[in-house]
PDB file of all heavy atoms in Angstrom:
ATOM      1  N   GLU A   1     -20.065  16.574  -6.863  1.00  0.00           N
ATOM      2  CA  GLU A   1     -20.228  16.109  -5.478  1.00  0.00           C
ATOM      3  C   GLU A   1     -20.602  14.629  -5.432  1.00  0.00           C
ATOM      4  O   GLU A   1     -20.087  13.872  -4.598  1.00  0.00           O
ATOM      5  CB  GLU A   1     -21.283  16.948  -4.765  1.00  0.00           C
ATOM      6  CG  GLU A   1     -20.831  18.355  -4.462  1.00  0.00           C
ATOM      7  CD  GLU A   1     -21.953  19.246  -3.927  1.00  0.00           C
ATOM      8  OE1 GLU A   1     -23.091  18.746  -3.765  1.00  0.00           O
ATOM      9  OE2 GLU A   1     -21.686  20.432  -3.687  1.00  0.00           O
ATOM     10  N   ASP A   2     -21.497  14.200  -6.329  1.00  0.00           N
ATOM     11  CA  ASP A   2     -21.893  12.786  -6.370  1.00  0.00           C
ATOM     12  C   ASP A   2     -20.701  11.899  -6.681  1.00  0.00           C
ATOM     13  O   ASP A   2     -20.505  10.849  -6.055  1.00  0.00           O
ATOM     14  CB  ASP A   2     -22.995  12.559  -7.408  1.00  0.00           C
ATOM     15  CG  ASP A   2     -24.326  13.166  -6.997  1.00  0.00           C
ATOM     16  OD1 ASP A   2     -24.463  13.545  -5.812  1.00  0.00           O
ATOM     17  OD2 ASP A   2     -25.216  13.273  -7.865  1.00  0.00           O
ATOM     18  N   ARG A   3     -19.918  12.299  -7.670  1.00  0.00           N
ATOM     19  CA  ARG A   3     -18.746  11.487  -8.048  1.00  0.00           C
ATOM     20  C   ARG A   3     -17.729  11.463  -6.913  1.00  0.00           C
ATOM     21  O   ARG A   3     -17.103  10.448  -6.644  1.00  0.00           O
ATOM     22  CB  ARG A   3     -18.093  12.014  -9.330  1.00  0.00           C
ATOM     23  CG  ARG A   3     -18.955  11.941 -10.574  1.00  0.00           C
ATOM     24  CD  ARG A   3     -19.519  10.521 -10.823  1.00  0.00           C
ATOM     25  NE  ARG A   3     -20.689  10.575 -11.662  1.00  0.00           N
ATOM     26  CZ  ARG A   3     -21.931  10.438 -11.253  1.00  0.00           C
ATOM     27  NH1 ARG A   3     -22.201  10.208  -9.992  1.00  0.00           N
ATOM     28  NH2 ARG A   3     -22.944  10.503 -12.083  1.00  0.00           N
ATOM     29  N   GLN A   4     -17.555  12.592  -6.250  1.00  0.00           N
ATOM     30  CA  GLN A   4     -16.623  12.654  -5.132  1.00  0.00           C
ATOM     31  C   GLN A   4     -17.087  11.729  -4.016  1.00  0.00           C
ATOM     32  O   GLN A   4     -16.286  10.991  -3.436  1.00  0.00           O
ATOM     33  CB  GLN A   4     -16.506  14.097  -4.624  1.00  0.00           C
ATOM     34  CG  GLN A   4     -15.472  14.272  -3.534  1.00  0.00           C
ATOM     35  CD  GLN A   4     -15.325  15.726  -3.124  1.00  0.00           C
ATOM     36  OE1 GLN A   4     -16.018  16.605  -3.631  1.00  0.00           O
ATOM     37  NE2 GLN A   4     -14.435  15.979  -2.197  1.00  0.00           N
ATOM     38  N   THR A   5     -18.383  11.738  -3.740  1.00  0.00           N
ATOM     39  CA  THR A   5     -18.941  10.869  -2.708  1.00  0.00           C
ATOM     40  C   THR A   5     -18.747   9.399  -3.072  1.00  0.00           C
ATOM     41  O   THR A   5     -18.430   8.571  -2.214  1.00  0.00           O
ATOM     42  CB  THR A   5     -20.441  11.167  -2.522  1.00  0.00           C
ATOM     43  OG1 THR A   5     -20.597  12.547  -2.203  1.00  0.00           O
ATOM     44  CG2 THR A   5     -21.038  10.329  -1.428  1.00  0.00           C
ATOM     45  N   GLU A   6     -18.902   9.080  -4.349  1.00  0.00           N
ATOM     46  CA  GLU A   6     -18.724   7.699  -4.798  1.00  0.00           C
ATOM     47  C   GLU A   6     -17.260   7.277  -4.744  1.00  0.00           C
ATOM     48  O   GLU A   6     -16.950   6.123  -4.441  1.00  0.00           O
ATOM     49  CB  GLU A   6     -19.227   7.533  -6.231  1.00  0.00           C
ATOM     50  CG  GLU A   6     -20.729   7.619  -6.377  1.00  0.00           C
ATOM     51  CD  GLU A   6     -21.174   7.568  -7.832  1.00  0.00           C
ATOM     52  OE1 GLU A   6     -20.329   7.309  -8.714  1.00  0.00           O
ATOM     53  OE2 GLU A   6     -22.365   7.788  -8.085  1.00  0.00           O
ATOM     54  N   LEU A   7     -16.348   8.180  -5.058  1.00  0.00           N
ATOM     55  CA  LEU A   7     -14.937   7.811  -5.194  1.00  0.00           C
ATOM     56  C   LEU A   7     -14.145   7.875  -3.891  1.00  0.00           C
ATOM     57  O   LEU A   7     -13.100   7.229  -3.787  1.00  0.00           O
ATOM     58  CB  LEU A   7     -14.268   8.700  -6.251  1.00  0.00           C
ATOM     59  CG  LEU A   7     -14.777   8.497  -7.676  1.00  0.00           C
ATOM     60  CD1 LEU A   7     -14.119   9.483  -8.616  1.00  0.00           C
ATOM     61  CD2 LEU A   7     -14.537   7.072  -8.148  1.00  0.00           C
ATOM     62  N   GLU A   8     -14.611   8.634  -2.915  1.00  0.00           N
ATOM     63  CA  GLU A   8     -13.866   8.739  -1.659  1.00  0.00           C
ATOM     64  C   GLU A   8     -13.678   7.388  -0.977  1.00  0.00           C
ATOM     65  O   GLU A   8     -12.558   7.068  -0.552  1.00  0.00           O
ATOM     66  CB  GLU A   8     -14.533   9.747  -0.723  1.00  0.00           C
ATOM     67  CG  GLU A   8     -14.180  11.167  -1.053  1.00  0.00           C
ATOM     68  CD  GLU A   8     -14.868  12.173  -0.138  1.00  0.00           C
ATOM     69  OE1 GLU A   8     -15.734  11.787   0.675  1.00  0.00           O
ATOM     70  OE2 GLU A   8     -14.530  13.367  -0.268  1.00  0.00           O
ATOM     71  N   PRO A   9     -14.716   6.545  -0.838  1.00  0.00           N
ATOM     72  CA  PRO A   9     -14.486   5.236  -0.214  1.00  0.00           C
ATOM     73  C   PRO A   9     -13.492   4.380  -1.017  1.00  0.00           C
ATOM     74  O   PRO A   9     -12.672   3.665  -0.440  1.00  0.00           O
ATOM     75  CB  PRO A   9     -15.870   4.579  -0.212  1.00  0.00           C
ATOM     76  CG  PRO A   9     -16.842   5.690  -0.331  1.00  0.00           C
ATOM     77  CD  PRO A   9     -16.135   6.755  -1.111  1.00  0.00           C
ATOM     78  N   LEU A  10     -13.569   4.481  -2.317  1.00  0.00           N
ATOM     79  CA  LEU A  10     -12.626   3.733  -3.157  1.00  0.00           C
ATOM     80  C   LEU A  10     -11.202   4.221  -2.928  1.00  0.00           C
ATOM     81  O   LEU A  10     -10.266   3.411  -2.833  1.00  0.00           O
ATOM     82  CB  LEU A  10     -13.017   3.882  -4.633  1.00  0.00           C
ATOM     83  CG  LEU A  10     -12.157   3.131  -5.642  1.00  0.00           C
ATOM     84  CD1 LEU A  10     -12.210   1.626  -5.377  1.00  0.00           C
ATOM     85  CD2 LEU A  10     -12.622   3.445  -7.060  1.00  0.00           C
ATOM     86  N   ALA A  11     -11.022   5.516  -2.801  1.00  0.00           N
ATOM     87  CA  ALA A  11      -9.694   6.074  -2.557  1.00  0.00           C
ATOM     88  C   ALA A  11      -9.151   5.605  -1.209  1.00  0.00           C
ATOM     89  O   ALA A  11      -7.977   5.254  -1.087  1.00  0.00           O
ATOM     90  CB  ALA A  11      -9.732   7.598  -2.614  1.00  0.00           C
ATOM     91  N   VAL A  12     -10.008   5.580  -0.192  1.00  0.00           N
ATOM     92  CA  VAL A  12      -9.593   5.110   1.132  1.00  0.00           C
ATOM     93  C   VAL A  12      -9.198   3.634   1.059  1.00  0.00           C
ATOM     94  O   VAL A  12      -8.191   3.216   1.637  1.00  0.00           O
ATOM     95  CB  VAL A  12     -10.718   5.343   2.165  1.00  0.00           C
ATOM     96  CG1 VAL A  12     -10.425   4.640   3.479  1.00  0.00           C
ATOM     97  CG2 VAL A  12     -10.925   6.836   2.375  1.00  0.00           C
ATOM     98  N   LYS A  13      -9.967   2.850   0.324  1.00  0.00           N
ATOM     99  CA  LYS A  13      -9.684   1.421   0.173  1.00  0.00           C
ATOM    100  C   LYS A  13      -8.337   1.206  -0.526  1.00  0.00           C
ATOM    101  O   LYS A  13      -7.522   0.393  -0.086  1.00  0.00           O
ATOM    102  CB  LYS A  13     -10.806   0.748  -0.617  1.00  0.00           C
ATOM    103  CG  LYS A  13     -10.643  -0.737  -0.785  1.00  0.00           C
ATOM    104  CD  LYS A  13     -11.808  -1.324  -1.558  1.00  0.00           C
ATOM    105  CE  LYS A  13     -11.620  -2.813  -1.797  1.00  0.00           C
ATOM    106  NZ  LYS A  13     -12.713  -3.384  -2.588  1.00  0.00           N
ATOM    107  N   ILE A  14      -8.107   1.943  -1.592  1.00  0.00           N
ATOM    108  CA  ILE A  14      -6.837   1.811  -2.333  1.00  0.00           C
ATOM    109  C   ILE A  14      -5.676   2.238  -1.453  1.00  0.00           C
ATOM    110  O   ILE A  14      -4.619   1.591  -1.444  1.00  0.00           O
ATOM    111  CB  ILE A  14      -6.895   2.640  -3.633  1.00  0.00           C
ATOM    112  CG1 ILE A  14      -7.871   1.998  -4.608  1.00  0.00           C
ATOM    113  CG2 ILE A  14      -5.518   2.767  -4.265  1.00  0.00           C
ATOM    114  CD1 ILE A  14      -8.158   2.811  -5.847  1.00  0.00           C
ATOM    115  N   GLN A  15      -5.839   3.315  -0.694  1.00  0.00           N
ATOM    116  CA  GLN A  15      -4.782   3.772   0.189  1.00  0.00           C
ATOM    117  C   GLN A  15      -4.455   2.704   1.232  1.00  0.00           C
ATOM    118  O   GLN A  15      -3.290   2.431   1.522  1.00  0.00           O
ATOM    119  CB  GLN A  15      -5.193   5.076   0.866  1.00  0.00           C
ATOM    120  CG  GLN A  15      -4.088   5.722   1.661  1.00  0.00           C
ATOM    121  CD  GLN A  15      -4.515   7.070   2.225  1.00  0.00           C
ATOM    122  OE1 GLN A  15      -5.701   7.393   2.253  1.00  0.00           O
ATOM    123  NE2 GLN A  15      -3.554   7.845   2.678  1.00  0.00           N
ATOM    124  N   GLY A  16      -5.479   2.070   1.775  1.00  0.00           N
ATOM    125  CA  GLY A  16      -5.254   0.989   2.752  1.00  0.00           C
ATOM    126  C   GLY A  16      -4.529  -0.184   2.121  1.00  0.00           C
ATOM    127  O   GLY A  16      -3.618  -0.769   2.725  1.00  0.00           O
ATOM    128  N   GLN A  17      -4.897  -0.540   0.891  1.00  0.00           N
ATOM    129  CA  GLN A  17      -4.217  -1.638   0.198  1.00  0.00           C
ATOM    130  C   GLN A  17      -2.757  -1.308  -0.069  1.00  0.00           C
ATOM    131  O   GLN A  17      -1.876  -2.168   0.060  1.00  0.00           O
ATOM    132  CB  GLN A  17      -4.930  -1.968  -1.108  1.00  0.00           C
ATOM    133  CG  GLN A  17      -6.280  -2.621  -0.912  1.00  0.00           C
ATOM    134  CD  GLN A  17      -7.039  -2.814  -2.213  1.00  0.00           C
ATOM    135  OE1 GLN A  17      -6.699  -2.246  -3.244  1.00  0.00           O
ATOM    136  NE2 GLN A  17      -8.087  -3.634  -2.159  1.00  0.00           N
ATOM    137  N   LEU A  18      -2.482  -0.069  -0.406  1.00  0.00           N
ATOM    138  CA  LEU A  18      -1.097   0.334  -0.635  1.00  0.00           C
ATOM    139  C   LEU A  18      -0.279   0.257   0.653  1.00  0.00           C
ATOM    140  O   LEU A  18       0.884  -0.157   0.636  1.00  0.00           O
ATOM    141  CB  LEU A  18      -1.039   1.750  -1.223  1.00  0.00           C
ATOM    142  CG  LEU A  18      -1.517   1.899  -2.663  1.00  0.00           C
ATOM    143  CD1 LEU A  18      -1.556   3.364  -3.063  1.00  0.00           C
ATOM    144  CD2 LEU A  18      -0.614   1.126  -3.616  1.00  0.00           C
ATOM    145  N   GLN A  19      -0.878   0.651   1.760  1.00  0.00           N
ATOM    146  CA  GLN A  19      -0.178   0.555   3.043  1.00  0.00           C
ATOM    147  C   GLN A  19       0.082  -0.901   3.401  1.00  0.00           C
ATOM    148  O   GLN A  19       1.160  -1.248   3.903  1.00  0.00           O
ATOM    149  CB  GLN A  19      -0.983   1.252   4.141  1.00  0.00           C
ATOM    150  CG  GLN A  19      -0.955   2.765   4.021  1.00  0.00           C
ATOM    151  CD  GLN A  19      -1.864   3.444   5.022  1.00  0.00           C
ATOM    152  OE1 GLN A  19      -2.723   2.811   5.650  1.00  0.00           O
ATOM    153  NE2 GLN A  19      -1.705   4.753   5.171  1.00  0.00           N
ATOM    154  N   ASP A  20      -0.901  -1.768   3.146  1.00  0.00           N
ATOM    155  CA  ASP A  20      -0.711  -3.193   3.396  1.00  0.00           C
ATOM    156  C   ASP A  20       0.427  -3.752   2.542  1.00  0.00           C
ATOM    157  O   ASP A  20       1.254  -4.532   3.020  1.00  0.00           O
ATOM    158  CB  ASP A  20      -1.996  -3.979   3.110  1.00  0.00           C
ATOM    159  CG  ASP A  20      -3.103  -3.694   4.117  1.00  0.00           C
ATOM    160  OD1 ASP A  20      -2.792  -3.125   5.198  1.00  0.00           O
ATOM    161  OD2 ASP A  20      -4.259  -4.040   3.828  1.00  0.00           O
ATOM    162  N   MET A  21       0.452  -3.348   1.285  1.00  0.00           N
ATOM    163  CA  MET A  21       1.513  -3.818   0.396  1.00  0.00           C
ATOM    164  C   MET A  21       2.877  -3.332   0.882  1.00  0.00           C
ATOM    165  O   MET A  21       3.856  -4.086   0.867  1.00  0.00           O
ATOM    166  CB  MET A  21       1.272  -3.319  -1.039  1.00  0.00           C
ATOM    167  CG  MET A  21       0.110  -4.003  -1.730  1.00  0.00           C
ATOM    168  SD  MET A  21      -0.278  -3.297  -3.333  1.00  0.00           S
ATOM    169  CE  MET A  21       1.204  -3.569  -4.240  1.00  0.00           C
ATOM    170  N   GLU A  22       2.936  -2.088   1.348  1.00  0.00           N
ATOM    171  CA  GLU A  22       4.203  -1.549   1.851  1.00  0.00           C
ATOM    172  C   GLU A  22       4.668  -2.350   3.069  1.00  0.00           C
ATOM    173  O   GLU A  22       5.839  -2.705   3.176  1.00  0.00           O
ATOM    174  CB  GLU A  22       4.031  -0.077   2.210  1.00  0.00           C
ATOM    175  CG  GLU A  22       5.301   0.562   2.718  1.00  0.00           C
ATOM    176  CD  GLU A  22       5.112   2.010   3.128  1.00  0.00           C
ATOM    177  OE1 GLU A  22       3.956   2.483   3.175  1.00  0.00           O
ATOM    178  OE2 GLU A  22       6.128   2.659   3.404  1.00  0.00           O
ATOM    179  N   GLU A  23       3.730  -2.629   3.957  1.00  0.00           N
ATOM    180  CA  GLU A  23       4.072  -3.410   5.151  1.00  0.00           C
ATOM    181  C   GLU A  23       4.519  -4.822   4.771  1.00  0.00           C
ATOM    182  O   GLU A  23       5.374  -5.406   5.422  1.00  0.00           O
ATOM    183  CB  GLU A  23       2.879  -3.462   6.099  1.00  0.00           C
ATOM    184  CG  GLU A  23       2.557  -2.135   6.749  1.00  0.00           C
ATOM    185  CD  GLU A  23       1.266  -2.153   7.552  1.00  0.00           C
ATOM    186  OE1 GLU A  23       0.686  -3.248   7.739  1.00  0.00           O
ATOM    187  OE2 GLU A  23       0.833  -1.070   7.984  1.00  0.00           O
ATOM    188  N   HIS A  24       3.949  -5.368   3.724  1.00  0.00           N
ATOM    189  CA  HIS A  24       4.301  -6.713   3.275  1.00  0.00           C
ATOM    190  C   HIS A  24       5.685  -6.723   2.603  1.00  0.00           C
ATOM    191  O   HIS A  24       6.482  -7.640   2.811  1.00  0.00           O
ATOM    192  CB  HIS A  24       3.238  -7.227   2.304  1.00  0.00           C
ATOM    193  CG  HIS A  24       3.523  -8.577   1.748  1.00  0.00           C
ATOM    194  ND1 HIS A  24       3.433  -9.726   2.501  1.00  0.00           N
ATOM    195  CD2 HIS A  24       3.914  -8.972   0.513  1.00  0.00           C
ATOM    196  CE1 HIS A  24       3.750 -10.768   1.753  1.00  0.00           C
ATOM    197  NE2 HIS A  24       4.045 -10.328   0.532  1.00  0.00           N
ATOM    198  N   PHE A  25       5.951  -5.717   1.804  1.00  0.00           N
ATOM    199  CA  PHE A  25       7.201  -5.693   1.045  1.00  0.00           C
ATOM    200  C   PHE A  25       8.396  -5.187   1.848  1.00  0.00           C
ATOM    201  O   PHE A  25       9.541  -5.492   1.520  1.00  0.00           O
ATOM    202  CB  PHE A  25       7.059  -4.835  -0.224  1.00  0.00           C
ATOM    203  CG  PHE A  25       6.312  -5.520  -1.316  1.00  0.00           C
ATOM    204  CD1 PHE A  25       5.094  -5.036  -1.764  1.00  0.00           C
ATOM    205  CD2 PHE A  25       6.826  -6.674  -1.912  1.00  0.00           C
ATOM    206  CE1 PHE A  25       4.400  -5.670  -2.768  1.00  0.00           C
ATOM    207  CE2 PHE A  25       6.136  -7.313  -2.911  1.00  0.00           C
ATOM    208  CZ  PHE A  25       4.922  -6.815  -3.353  1.00  0.00           C
ATOM    209  N   LYS A  26       8.154  -4.436   2.884  1.00  0.00           N
ATOM    210  CA  LYS A  26       9.254  -3.875   3.660  1.00  0.00           C
ATOM    211  C   LYS A  26      10.160  -4.973   4.237  1.00  0.00           C
ATOM    212  O   LYS A  26      11.380  -4.898   4.061  1.00  0.00           O
ATOM    213  CB  LYS A  26       8.704  -2.978   4.773  1.00  0.00           C
ATOM    214  CG  LYS A  26       9.688  -1.966   5.278  1.00  0.00           C
ATOM    215  CD  LYS A  26       8.978  -0.955   6.155  1.00  0.00           C
ATOM    216  CE  LYS A  26       9.883   0.243   6.340  1.00  0.00           C
ATOM    217  NZ  LYS A  26       9.226   1.304   7.080  1.00  0.00           N
ATOM    218  N   PRO A  27       9.623  -6.011   4.889  1.00  0.00           N
ATOM    219  CA  PRO A  27      10.508  -7.078   5.387  1.00  0.00           C
ATOM    220  C   PRO A  27      11.226  -7.806   4.241  1.00  0.00           C
ATOM    221  O   PRO A  27      12.384  -8.212   4.379  1.00  0.00           O
ATOM    222  CB  PRO A  27       9.570  -8.035   6.134  1.00  0.00           C
ATOM    223  CG  PRO A  27       8.313  -7.303   6.347  1.00  0.00           C
ATOM    224  CD  PRO A  27       8.247  -6.229   5.331  1.00  0.00           C
ATOM    225  N   LEU A  28      10.532  -7.959   3.113  1.00  0.00           N
ATOM    226  CA  LEU A  28      11.163  -8.630   1.984  1.00  0.00           C
ATOM    227  C   LEU A  28      12.355  -7.835   1.462  1.00  0.00           C
ATOM    228  O   LEU A  28      13.409  -8.403   1.156  1.00  0.00           O
ATOM    229  CB  LEU A  28      10.148  -8.846   0.856  1.00  0.00           C
ATOM    230  CG  LEU A  28       9.023  -9.839   1.131  1.00  0.00           C
ATOM    231  CD1 LEU A  28       8.018  -9.826  -0.010  1.00  0.00           C
ATOM    232  CD2 LEU A  28       9.586 -11.235   1.321  1.00  0.00           C
ATOM    233  N   THR A  29      12.195  -6.534   1.374  1.00  0.00           N
ATOM    234  CA  THR A  29      13.311  -5.717   0.883  1.00  0.00           C
ATOM    235  C   THR A  29      14.472  -5.723   1.865  1.00  0.00           C
ATOM    236  O   THR A  29      15.634  -5.740   1.453  1.00  0.00           O
ATOM    237  CB  THR A  29      12.863  -4.261   0.613  1.00  0.00           C
ATOM    238  OG1 THR A  29      12.287  -3.711   1.790  1.00  0.00           O
ATOM    239  CG2 THR A  29      11.876  -4.196  -0.523  1.00  0.00           C
ATOM    240  N   GLU A  30      14.164  -5.715   3.147  1.00  0.00           N
ATOM    241  CA  GLU A  30      15.230  -5.788   4.152  1.00  0.00           C
ATOM    242  C   GLU A  30      15.978  -7.119   4.030  1.00  0.00           C
ATOM    243  O   GLU A  30      17.203  -7.167   4.114  1.00  0.00           O
ATOM    244  CB  GLU A  30      14.656  -5.616   5.566  1.00  0.00           C
ATOM    245  CG  GLU A  30      14.100  -4.242   5.847  1.00  0.00           C
ATOM    246  CD  GLU A  30      15.155  -3.155   5.764  1.00  0.00           C
ATOM    247  OE1 GLU A  30      16.320  -3.403   6.165  1.00  0.00           O
ATOM    248  OE2 GLU A  30      14.811  -2.057   5.278  1.00  0.00           O
ATOM    249  N   ASN A  31      15.227  -8.190   3.808  1.00  0.00           N
ATOM    250  CA  ASN A  31      15.830  -9.513   3.655  1.00  0.00           C
ATOM    251  C   ASN A  31      16.729  -9.548   2.414  1.00  0.00           C
ATOM    252  O   ASN A  31      17.823 -10.099   2.440  1.00  0.00           O
ATOM    253  CB  ASN A  31      14.730 -10.576   3.574  1.00  0.00           C
ATOM    254  CG  ASN A  31      15.281 -11.980   3.626  1.00  0.00           C
ATOM    255  OD1 ASN A  31      16.408 -12.199   4.034  1.00  0.00           O
ATOM    256  ND2 ASN A  31      14.473 -12.939   3.189  1.00  0.00           N
ATOM    257  N   VAL A  32      16.261  -8.968   1.334  1.00  0.00           N
ATOM    258  CA  VAL A  32      17.056  -8.939   0.102  1.00  0.00           C
ATOM    259  C   VAL A  32      18.324  -8.130   0.325  1.00  0.00           C
ATOM    260  O   VAL A  32      19.411  -8.535  -0.098  1.00  0.00           O
ATOM    261  CB  VAL A  32      16.222  -8.351  -1.071  1.00  0.00           C
ATOM    262  CG1 VAL A  32      17.090  -8.057  -2.274  1.00  0.00           C
ATOM    263  CG2 VAL A  32      15.107  -9.315  -1.453  1.00  0.00           C
ATOM    264  N   LYS A  33      18.209  -6.999   1.015  1.00  0.00           N
ATOM    265  CA  LYS A  33      19.392  -6.186   1.311  1.00  0.00           C
ATOM    266  C   LYS A  33      20.412  -6.992   2.116  1.00  0.00           C
ATOM    267  O   LYS A  33      21.614  -6.946   1.840  1.00  0.00           O
ATOM    268  CB  LYS A  33      19.013  -4.934   2.103  1.00  0.00           C
ATOM    269  CG  LYS A  33      18.445  -3.829   1.287  1.00  0.00           C
ATOM    270  CD  LYS A  33      18.169  -2.630   2.194  1.00  0.00           C
ATOM    271  CE  LYS A  33      17.453  -1.531   1.486  1.00  0.00           C
ATOM    272  NZ  LYS A  33      17.138  -0.403   2.375  1.00  0.00           N
ATOM    273  N   GLU A  34      19.924  -7.709   3.133  1.00  0.00           N
ATOM    274  CA  GLU A  34      20.829  -8.496   3.977  1.00  0.00           C
ATOM    275  C   GLU A  34      21.549  -9.569   3.171  1.00  0.00           C
ATOM    276  O   GLU A  34      22.716  -9.870   3.422  1.00  0.00           O
ATOM    277  CB  GLU A  34      20.045  -9.138   5.133  1.00  0.00           C
ATOM    278  CG  GLU A  34      19.545  -8.158   6.164  1.00  0.00           C
ATOM    279  CD  GLU A  34      18.629  -8.797   7.193  1.00  0.00           C
ATOM    280  OE1 GLU A  34      18.464 -10.041   7.188  1.00  0.00           O
ATOM    281  OE2 GLU A  34      18.045  -8.051   8.000  1.00  0.00           O
ATOM    282  N   ASN A  35      20.859 -10.175   2.202  1.00  0.00           N
ATOM    283  CA  ASN A  35      21.469 -11.226   1.396  1.00  0.00           C
ATOM    284  C   ASN A  35      22.357 -10.671   0.284  1.00  0.00           C
ATOM    285  O   ASN A  35      23.359 -11.302  -0.073  1.00  0.00           O
ATOM    286  CB  ASN A  35      20.396 -12.125   0.786  1.00  0.00           C
ATOM    287  CG  ASN A  35      19.692 -12.959   1.830  1.00  0.00           C
ATOM    288  OD1 ASN A  35      20.269 -13.290   2.868  1.00  0.00           O
ATOM    289  ND2 ASN A  35      18.434 -13.282   1.590  1.00  0.00           N
ATOM    290  N   VAL A  36      22.001  -9.545  -0.258  1.00  0.00           N
ATOM    291  CA  VAL A  36      22.728  -9.007  -1.402  1.00  0.00           C
ATOM    292  C   VAL A  36      23.969  -8.231  -0.969  1.00  0.00           C
ATOM    293  O   VAL A  36      25.003  -8.280  -1.653  1.00  0.00           O
ATOM    294  CB  VAL A  36      21.790  -8.119  -2.255  1.00  0.00           C
ATOM    295  CG1 VAL A  36      22.547  -7.370  -3.323  1.00  0.00           C
ATOM    296  CG2 VAL A  36      20.715  -8.984  -2.899  1.00  0.00           C
ATOM    297  N   ASN A  37      23.916  -7.534   0.147  1.00  0.00           N
ATOM    298  CA  ASN A  37      25.057  -6.721   0.579  1.00  0.00           C
ATOM    299  C   ASN A  37      26.346  -7.541   0.737  1.00  0.00           C
ATOM    300  O   ASN A  37      27.391  -7.107   0.260  1.00  0.00           O
ATOM    301  CB  ASN A  37      24.728  -5.960   1.863  1.00  0.00           C
ATOM    302  CG  ASN A  37      23.848  -4.756   1.587  1.00  0.00           C
ATOM    303  OD1 ASN A  37      23.762  -4.278   0.470  1.00  0.00           O
ATOM    304  ND2 ASN A  37      23.179  -4.255   2.623  1.00  0.00           N
TER     305      ASN A  37
END
């Protein structure tokens, strides 16, 4: 329980960072598709 309590905020933080990265890379991938197609 202690470890779970310690790791849950870290998991939420990592999940948020991954969502931010997805939002950042999505326009880039669309741009690459438009140029490469």
